Amino acid sequence: MTEQVQNVLSNAIAPIDFRKGKQVVGAVEYVALEVAVSKIVRVMLKMEPRGILELAWIHALSIPFMGGLGAPFGKNASLLNTGDDGGYTAAFKDGAKGIPAVLAAQWVIATAYKGFHFPWFTMKDLLITAGSKTITRPIAYSIVQSLPKDMEDGLLVLDALVGRQVDNSNLATADK
């Protein structure tokens, strides 16, 4: 068990090298997209507002956990619209694979504010968070090829990093 916990932590940190610009660009783009989607959904459903900075921290912290905690569900399909990867259905499924990561990030942030505690989410907040995380991936899938080359490369590099996390995770299924 200790080895598995260490594996999740090392996978969360190891693939990120902030000296490489494309990784940073991809992470910033994806976090910005997730924050925008979350804010829009919260406004449309008249839910209590969360600040942009709080949402940015949560979604930024979820990135290192996306591959490791989503590994039991398999690798993500390509963000590129190749036509043979399942299209929007696969993109929705891949978005849902990120839900455990964003919940873990919310718990870490709440622990930083309140101290160690049992995670507690209201059902409405849980559904908003899960729904926002799930629909962000199809939006990224839709726009990635219309972005400038550097921005497209950033999202693809981030996607590759998540794929490496899945490959290196002890939580991955045997058939990866």
C-alpha atoms as a PDB file:
ATOM      1  CA  MET A   1       0.000   0.000   0.000  1.00  0.00           C
ATOM      2  CA  THR A   2       2.793   2.441   0.867  1.00  0.00           C
ATOM      3  CA  GLU A   3       4.430   1.689  -2.478  1.00  0.00           C
ATOM      4  CA  GLN A   4       1.187   2.510  -4.320  1.00  0.00           C
ATOM      5  CA  VAL A   5       0.833   5.822  -2.499  1.00  0.00           C
ATOM      6  CA  GLN A   6       4.444   6.694  -3.323  1.00  0.00           C
ATOM      7  CA  ASN A   7       3.775   5.735  -6.941  1.00  0.00           C
ATOM      8  CA  VAL A   8       0.791   8.104  -7.168  1.00  0.00           C
ATOM      9  CA  LEU A   9       2.843  10.941  -5.655  1.00  0.00           C
ATOM     10  CA  SER A  10       5.856  10.368  -7.919  1.00  0.00           C
ATOM     11  CA  ASN A  11       3.593  10.174 -10.991  1.00  0.00           C
ATOM     12  CA  ALA A  12       1.980  13.420  -9.929  1.00  0.00           C
ATOM     13  CA  ILE A  13       5.286  15.247  -9.812  1.00  0.00           C
ATOM     14  CA  ALA A  14       7.717  13.471 -12.154  1.00  0.00           C
ATOM     15  CA  PRO A  15       6.290  14.199 -15.610  1.00  0.00           C
ATOM     16  CA  ILE A  16       6.035  17.933 -15.082  1.00  0.00           C
ATOM     17  CA  ASP A  17       9.087  19.921 -16.073  1.00  0.00           C
ATOM     18  CA  PHE A  18       8.221  23.594 -15.871  1.00  0.00           C
ATOM     19  CA  ARG A  19      11.306  24.547 -17.847  1.00  0.00           C
ATOM     20  CA  LYS A  20       9.614  23.251 -20.990  1.00  0.00           C
ATOM     21  CA  GLY A  21       7.313  25.907 -22.384  1.00  0.00           C
ATOM     22  CA  LYS A  22       4.828  23.693 -24.202  1.00  0.00           C
ATOM     23  CA  GLN A  23       3.938  21.862 -21.000  1.00  0.00           C
ATOM     24  CA  VAL A  24       3.261  25.132 -19.232  1.00  0.00           C
ATOM     25  CA  VAL A  25       1.250  26.481 -22.168  1.00  0.00           C
ATOM     26  CA  GLY A  26      -0.839  23.296 -22.292  1.00  0.00           C
ATOM     27  CA  ALA A  27      -1.466  23.313 -18.552  1.00  0.00           C
ATOM     28  CA  VAL A  28      -2.442  26.995 -18.544  1.00  0.00           C
ATOM     29  CA  GLU A  29      -4.771  26.476 -21.516  1.00  0.00           C
ATOM     30  CA  TYR A  30      -6.490  23.472 -19.981  1.00  0.00           C
ATOM     31  CA  VAL A  31      -6.857  25.115 -16.572  1.00  0.00           C
ATOM     32  CA  ALA A  32      -8.255  28.268 -18.197  1.00  0.00           C
ATOM     33  CA  LEU A  33     -10.743  26.180 -20.173  1.00  0.00           C
ATOM     34  CA  GLU A  34     -11.818  24.215 -17.088  1.00  0.00           C
ATOM     35  CA  VAL A  35     -12.221  27.395 -15.030  1.00  0.00           C
ATOM     36  CA  ALA A  36     -14.268  29.061 -17.772  1.00  0.00           C
ATOM     37  CA  VAL A  37     -16.549  26.030 -18.131  1.00  0.00           C
ATOM     38  CA  SER A  38     -16.976  25.747 -14.367  1.00  0.00           C
ATOM     39  CA  LYS A  39     -17.799  29.457 -13.996  1.00  0.00           C
ATOM     40  CA  ILE A  40     -20.314  29.342 -16.858  1.00  0.00           C
ATOM     41  CA  VAL A  41     -22.041  26.230 -15.510  1.00  0.00           C
ATOM     42  CA  ARG A  42     -22.186  27.718 -11.996  1.00  0.00           C
ATOM     43  CA  VAL A  43     -23.736  30.947 -13.308  1.00  0.00           C
ATOM     44  CA  MET A  44     -26.249  29.110 -15.507  1.00  0.00           C
ATOM     45  CA  LEU A  45     -27.372  26.891 -12.615  1.00  0.00           C
ATOM     46  CA  LYS A  46     -27.372  29.789 -10.140  1.00  0.00           C
ATOM     47  CA  MET A  47     -25.011  27.986  -7.799  1.00  0.00           C
ATOM     48  CA  GLU A  48     -22.928  29.735  -5.171  1.00  0.00           C
ATOM     49  CA  PRO A  49     -20.052  31.410  -6.981  1.00  0.00           C
ATOM     50  CA  ARG A  50     -16.472  30.365  -6.536  1.00  0.00           C
ATOM     51  CA  GLY A  51     -13.658  32.740  -7.275  1.00  0.00           C
ATOM     52  CA  ILE A  52     -11.616  32.375 -10.424  1.00  0.00           C
ATOM     53  CA  LEU A  53      -8.428  32.023  -8.397  1.00  0.00           C
ATOM     54  CA  GLU A  54      -9.914  29.251  -6.234  1.00  0.00           C
ATOM     55  CA  LEU A  55     -11.117  27.365  -9.312  1.00  0.00           C
ATOM     56  CA  ALA A  56      -7.751  27.879 -10.999  1.00  0.00           C
ATOM     57  CA  TRP A  57      -5.922  26.397  -7.984  1.00  0.00           C
ATOM     58  CA  ILE A  58      -8.239  23.398  -7.899  1.00  0.00           C
ATOM     59  CA  HIS A  59      -7.978  22.664 -11.615  1.00  0.00           C
ATOM     60  CA  ALA A  60      -4.219  23.296 -11.719  1.00  0.00           C
ATOM     61  CA  LEU A  61      -3.717  20.898  -8.826  1.00  0.00           C
ATOM     62  CA  SER A  62      -5.880  18.276 -10.553  1.00  0.00           C
ATOM     63  CA  ILE A  63      -3.573  18.059 -13.582  1.00  0.00           C
ATOM     64  CA  PRO A  64      -0.801  16.039 -11.901  1.00  0.00           C
ATOM     65  CA  PHE A  65      -3.397  13.561 -10.611  1.00  0.00           C
ATOM     66  CA  MET A  66      -5.376  13.104 -13.846  1.00  0.00           C
ATOM     67  CA  GLY A  67      -3.369  10.221 -15.278  1.00  0.00           C
ATOM     68  CA  GLY A  68      -2.638   8.430 -12.022  1.00  0.00           C
ATOM     69  CA  LEU A  69      -6.141   8.500 -10.586  1.00  0.00           C
ATOM     70  CA  GLY A  70      -7.790   7.994 -13.980  1.00  0.00           C
ATOM     71  CA  ALA A  71      -5.552   5.024 -14.842  1.00  0.00           C
ATOM     72  CA  PRO A  72      -8.068   2.332 -13.819  1.00  0.00           C
ATOM     73  CA  PHE A  73     -10.314   3.599 -16.622  1.00  0.00           C
ATOM     74  CA  GLY A  74      -7.639   3.347 -19.353  1.00  0.00           C
ATOM     75  CA  LYS A  75      -5.775   5.805 -21.541  1.00  0.00           C
ATOM     76  CA  ASN A  76      -7.432   8.810 -23.119  1.00  0.00           C
ATOM     77  CA  ALA A  77      -8.148   8.924 -26.840  1.00  0.00           C
ATOM     78  CA  SER A  78      -6.201  11.463 -28.866  1.00  0.00           C
ATOM     79  CA  LEU A  79      -7.283  15.087 -28.700  1.00  0.00           C
ATOM     80  CA  LEU A  80      -6.732  15.260 -32.442  1.00  0.00           C
ATOM     81  CA  ASN A  81      -9.838  14.679 -34.482  1.00  0.00           C
ATOM     82  CA  THR A  82      -8.679  11.605 -36.407  1.00  0.00           C
ATOM     83  CA  GLY A  83     -12.127  10.071 -36.772  1.00  0.00           C
ATOM     84  CA  ASP A  84     -11.044   6.604 -35.599  1.00  0.00           C
ATOM     85  CA  ASP A  85     -10.707   7.346 -31.893  1.00  0.00           C
ATOM     86  CA  GLY A  86     -14.379   7.407 -30.910  1.00  0.00           C
ATOM     87  CA  GLY A  87     -15.024  11.112 -31.458  1.00  0.00           C
ATOM     88  CA  TYR A  88     -17.124  12.990 -28.942  1.00  0.00           C
ATOM     89  CA  THR A  89     -18.227   9.852 -27.100  1.00  0.00           C
ATOM     90  CA  ALA A  90     -14.599   9.047 -26.291  1.00  0.00           C
ATOM     91  CA  ALA A  91     -13.956  12.698 -25.392  1.00  0.00           C
ATOM     92  CA  PHE A  92     -16.843  12.678 -22.879  1.00  0.00           C
ATOM     93  CA  LYS A  93     -15.580   9.427 -21.358  1.00  0.00           C
ATOM     94  CA  ASP A  94     -12.057  10.825 -21.170  1.00  0.00           C
ATOM     95  CA  GLY A  95     -13.372  13.964 -19.474  1.00  0.00           C
ATOM     96  CA  ALA A  96     -15.108  11.824 -16.864  1.00  0.00           C
ATOM     97  CA  LYS A  97     -11.794  10.070 -16.131  1.00  0.00           C
ATOM     98  CA  GLY A  98     -10.583  13.363 -14.661  1.00  0.00           C
ATOM     99  CA  ILE A  99     -13.306  13.513 -11.987  1.00  0.00           C
ATOM    100  CA  PRO A 100     -11.284  11.648  -9.303  1.00  0.00           C
ATOM    101  CA  ALA A 101      -8.384  14.030  -9.899  1.00  0.00           C
ATOM    102  CA  VAL A 102     -10.456  17.185  -9.427  1.00  0.00           C
ATOM    103  CA  LEU A 103     -12.089  15.756  -6.299  1.00  0.00           C
ATOM    104  CA  ALA A 104      -8.659  14.912  -4.884  1.00  0.00           C
ATOM    105  CA  ALA A 105      -7.501  18.438  -5.702  1.00  0.00           C
ATOM    106  CA  GLN A 106     -10.538  19.936  -3.968  1.00  0.00           C
ATOM    107  CA  TRP A 107      -9.804  17.852  -0.890  1.00  0.00           C
ATOM    108  CA  VAL A 108      -6.141  18.934  -0.868  1.00  0.00           C
ATOM    109  CA  ILE A 109      -7.108  22.605  -1.161  1.00  0.00           C
ATOM    110  CA  ALA A 110      -9.765  22.263   1.563  1.00  0.00           C
ATOM    111  CA  THR A 111      -7.229  20.478   3.783  1.00  0.00           C
ATOM    112  CA  ALA A 112      -4.827  23.368   3.300  1.00  0.00           C
ATOM    113  CA  TYR A 113      -7.517  25.767   4.539  1.00  0.00           C
ATOM    114  CA  LYS A 114      -9.185  23.677   7.257  1.00  0.00           C
ATOM    115  CA  GLY A 115      -6.663  21.024   8.221  1.00  0.00           C
ATOM    116  CA  PHE A 116      -7.043  17.278   7.811  1.00  0.00           C
ATOM    117  CA  HIS A 117     -10.700  16.298   7.494  1.00  0.00           C
ATOM    118  CA  PHE A 118     -13.041  13.789   5.934  1.00  0.00           C
ATOM    119  CA  PRO A 119     -13.905  14.998   2.422  1.00  0.00           C
ATOM    120  CA  TRP A 120     -17.415  16.368   2.193  1.00  0.00           C
ATOM    121  CA  PHE A 121     -19.133  17.657  -0.917  1.00  0.00           C
ATOM    122  CA  THR A 122     -22.736  18.696  -1.421  1.00  0.00           C
ATOM    123  CA  MET A 123     -24.465  16.693  -4.136  1.00  0.00           C
ATOM    124  CA  LYS A 124     -25.024  19.830  -6.206  1.00  0.00           C
ATOM    125  CA  ASP A 125     -21.372  20.854  -5.949  1.00  0.00           C
ATOM    126  CA  LEU A 126     -20.272  17.316  -6.786  1.00  0.00           C
ATOM    127  CA  LEU A 127     -22.493  17.233  -9.879  1.00  0.00           C
ATOM    128  CA  ILE A 128     -21.339  20.672 -11.043  1.00  0.00           C
ATOM    129  CA  THR A 129     -17.682  19.739 -10.583  1.00  0.00           C
ATOM    130  CA  ALA A 130     -18.095  16.365 -12.296  1.00  0.00           C
ATOM    131  CA  GLY A 131     -20.143  17.810 -15.138  1.00  0.00           C
ATOM    132  CA  SER A 132     -17.752  20.690 -15.726  1.00  0.00           C
ATOM    133  CA  LYS A 133     -14.737  18.378 -15.737  1.00  0.00           C
ATOM    134  CA  THR A 134     -16.513  15.977 -18.100  1.00  0.00           C
ATOM    135  CA  ILE A 135     -17.558  18.556 -20.706  1.00  0.00           C
ATOM    136  CA  THR A 136     -14.213  20.346 -20.797  1.00  0.00           C
ATOM    137  CA  ARG A 137     -12.522  17.522 -22.712  1.00  0.00           C
ATOM    138  CA  PRO A 138     -15.011  17.515 -25.630  1.00  0.00           C
ATOM    139  CA  ILE A 139     -14.629  21.287 -25.869  1.00  0.00           C
ATOM    140  CA  ALA A 140     -10.845  20.909 -26.039  1.00  0.00           C
ATOM    141  CA  TYR A 141     -11.341  18.136 -28.611  1.00  0.00           C
ATOM    142  CA  SER A 142     -13.477  20.530 -30.680  1.00  0.00           C
ATOM    143  CA  ILE A 143     -11.098  23.474 -30.683  1.00  0.00           C
ATOM    144  CA  VAL A 144      -7.610  21.961 -30.546  1.00  0.00           C
ATOM    145  CA  GLN A 145      -7.037  21.931 -34.314  1.00  0.00           C
ATOM    146  CA  SER A 146      -8.249  25.493 -34.788  1.00  0.00           C
ATOM    147  CA  LEU A 147      -5.791  26.886 -32.237  1.00  0.00           C
ATOM    148  CA  PRO A 148      -2.449  28.432 -33.196  1.00  0.00           C
ATOM    149  CA  LYS A 149       0.274  25.788 -33.571  1.00  0.00           C
ATOM    150  CA  ASP A 150       2.002  26.562 -30.236  1.00  0.00           C
ATOM    151  CA  MET A 151      -1.279  26.353 -28.330  1.00  0.00           C
ATOM    152  CA  GLU A 152      -2.260  23.118 -30.092  1.00  0.00           C
ATOM    153  CA  ASP A 153       1.157  21.648 -29.281  1.00  0.00           C
ATOM    154  CA  GLY A 154       0.754  22.678 -25.638  1.00  0.00           C
ATOM    155  CA  LEU A 155      -2.511  20.763 -25.271  1.00  0.00           C
ATOM    156  CA  LEU A 156      -1.057  17.737 -27.068  1.00  0.00           C
ATOM    157  CA  VAL A 157       2.029  17.726 -24.825  1.00  0.00           C
ATOM    158  CA  LEU A 158      -0.193  17.931 -21.738  1.00  0.00           C
ATOM    159  CA  ASP A 159      -2.250  15.059 -23.143  1.00  0.00           C
ATOM    160  CA  ALA A 160       0.926  13.012 -23.654  1.00  0.00           C
ATOM    161  CA  LEU A 161       1.990  13.699 -20.052  1.00  0.00           C
ATOM    162  CA  VAL A 162      -1.336  12.400 -18.762  1.00  0.00           C
ATOM    163  CA  GLY A 163      -0.839   9.324 -20.955  1.00  0.00           C
ATOM    164  CA  ARG A 164       2.602   8.739 -19.394  1.00  0.00           C
ATOM    165  CA  GLN A 165       1.064   9.035 -15.943  1.00  0.00           C
ATOM    166  CA  VAL A 166      -1.445   6.329 -16.892  1.00  0.00           C
ATOM    167  CA  ASP A 167       1.366   4.111 -18.195  1.00  0.00           C
ATOM    168  CA  ASN A 168       3.363   4.500 -14.972  1.00  0.00           C
ATOM    169  CA  SER A 169       0.502   4.171 -12.523  1.00  0.00           C
ATOM    170  CA  ASN A 170       0.101   1.126 -10.289  1.00  0.00           C
ATOM    171  CA  LEU A 171      -3.637   1.749 -10.483  1.00  0.00           C
ATOM    172  CA  ALA A 172      -3.718   1.044 -14.222  1.00  0.00           C
ATOM    173  CA  THR A 173      -5.564  -1.984 -15.507  1.00  0.00           C
ATOM    174  CA  ALA A 174      -3.546  -4.855 -16.910  1.00  0.00           C
ATOM    175  CA  ASP A 175      -4.705  -4.246 -20.499  1.00  0.00           C
ATOM    176  CA  LYS A 176      -3.912  -0.481 -20.504  1.00  0.00           C
END
